[in-house]
Amino acid sequence: MRLLRVRVQPRAARSEIVGWRADGVLSVRVAAPPVQGQANAAVAALLAGALDLRPSAVRVERGARGRDKLVQVDGLSLEEIRQRIRGEDS
């Protein structure tokens, strides 16, 4: 299990992983609005797809009502997460 710091921009034109910020936070955009957990579900689905994990392996642990979130990722180390995200950006 790994906790990942994520900064989210809801209501974006499209859902995408922007990349790693200098402070080590992963920046993402999701098209879903921040209403009734829609943006949180979109973040989890986006990250699960990018990391090639089952959807249940990624969930928002803290920050459900804010832009800054702690997302739990099961089954990968931080280095594996970074490698898979870099592969998305390339």
Protein backbone atom coordinates (compact mmCIF):
# COMPACT_ATOMS: atom_id res chain seq x y z
CA MET A 1 0.00 0.00 0.00
CA ARG A 2 1.27 3.44 -0.92
CA LEU A 3 -0.29 6.84 -0.16
CA LEU A 4 0.08 9.21 -3.07
CA ARG A 5 -0.38 12.98 -2.81
CA VAL A 6 -2.55 14.21 -5.68
CA ARG A 7 -3.69 17.72 -6.69
CA VAL A 8 -6.96 17.62 -8.65
CA GLN A 9 -8.54 20.09 -11.05
CA PRO A 10 -12.22 19.13 -11.48
CA ARG A 11 -14.43 20.19 -14.40
CA ALA A 12 -11.51 20.13 -16.84
CA ALA A 13 -12.04 19.82 -20.59
CA ARG A 14 -10.78 16.23 -20.38
CA SER A 15 -9.46 13.80 -17.81
CA GLU A 16 -5.68 13.46 -17.87
CA ILE A 17 -2.58 13.09 -15.77
CA VAL A 18 -0.64 16.34 -15.99
CA GLY A 19 2.52 15.05 -14.31
CA TRP A 20 4.66 15.30 -11.22
CA ARG A 21 5.12 18.72 -9.62
CA ALA A 22 8.44 19.80 -8.12
CA ASP A 23 7.07 19.18 -4.61
CA GLY A 24 6.37 15.50 -5.43
CA VAL A 25 2.62 15.89 -5.83
CA LEU A 26 0.93 14.29 -8.84
CA SER A 27 -1.22 16.77 -10.74
CA VAL A 28 -4.35 15.48 -12.52
CA ARG A 29 -7.38 16.94 -14.28
CA VAL A 30 -10.78 15.29 -14.39
CA ALA A 31 -13.82 16.22 -16.43
CA ALA A 32 -16.21 15.24 -13.62
CA PRO A 33 -17.64 17.94 -11.36
CA PRO A 34 -16.88 17.93 -7.63
CA VAL A 35 -20.42 16.87 -6.77
CA GLN A 36 -21.49 13.76 -4.84
CA GLY A 37 -18.06 12.16 -5.12
CA GLN A 38 -17.99 12.21 -8.94
CA ALA A 39 -14.56 13.86 -9.14
CA ASN A 40 -13.11 11.46 -6.54
CA ALA A 41 -14.42 8.46 -8.49
CA ALA A 42 -12.97 9.92 -11.69
CA VAL A 43 -9.56 10.40 -10.04
CA ALA A 44 -9.52 6.79 -8.81
CA ALA A 45 -10.59 5.46 -12.22
CA LEU A 46 -8.03 7.60 -14.07
CA LEU A 47 -5.17 6.48 -11.82
CA ALA A 48 -6.24 2.82 -11.87
CA GLY A 49 -6.26 2.88 -15.68
CA ALA A 50 -2.90 4.65 -15.93
CA LEU A 51 -1.30 2.30 -13.42
CA ASP A 52 -2.86 -0.81 -14.95
CA LEU A 53 -4.55 -1.76 -11.68
CA ARG A 54 -8.03 -3.00 -10.86
CA PRO A 55 -10.31 -0.10 -9.82
CA SER A 56 -10.62 -1.37 -6.24
CA ALA A 57 -6.83 -1.00 -5.77
CA VAL A 58 -7.05 2.82 -5.95
CA ARG A 59 -9.15 4.95 -3.60
CA VAL A 60 -9.22 8.43 -2.12
CA GLU A 61 -8.30 8.15 1.56
CA ARG A 62 -8.23 11.82 2.57
CA GLY A 63 -9.28 15.08 1.00
CA ALA A 64 -12.60 13.94 -0.46
CA ARG A 65 -13.90 17.52 -0.35
CA GLY A 66 -10.76 19.36 -1.44
CA ARG A 67 -8.39 19.56 -4.37
CA ASP A 68 -5.47 18.10 -2.41
CA LYS A 69 -5.97 14.39 -1.81
CA LEU A 70 -4.19 11.37 -0.41
CA VAL A 71 -4.88 8.43 -2.67
CA GLN A 72 -4.15 4.89 -1.55
CA VAL A 73 -2.62 2.65 -4.21
CA ASP A 74 -2.37 -1.06 -3.42
CA GLY A 75 0.15 -3.36 -5.04
CA LEU A 76 2.81 -0.92 -6.30
CA SER A 77 5.81 0.85 -4.81
CA LEU A 78 6.30 4.58 -5.30
CA GLU A 79 9.03 3.88 -7.87
CA GLU A 80 6.71 1.59 -9.85
CA ILE A 81 4.00 4.27 -9.74
CA ARG A 82 6.44 6.91 -11.00
CA GLN A 83 7.64 4.63 -13.83
CA ARG A 84 4.11 3.86 -14.98
CA ILE A 85 3.06 7.54 -14.84
CA ARG A 86 6.17 8.57 -16.80
CA GLY A 87 5.21 6.00 -19.42
CA GLU A 88 1.83 7.76 -19.75
CA ASP A 89 3.47 11.16 -20.24
CA SER A 90 5.92 9.95 -22.90
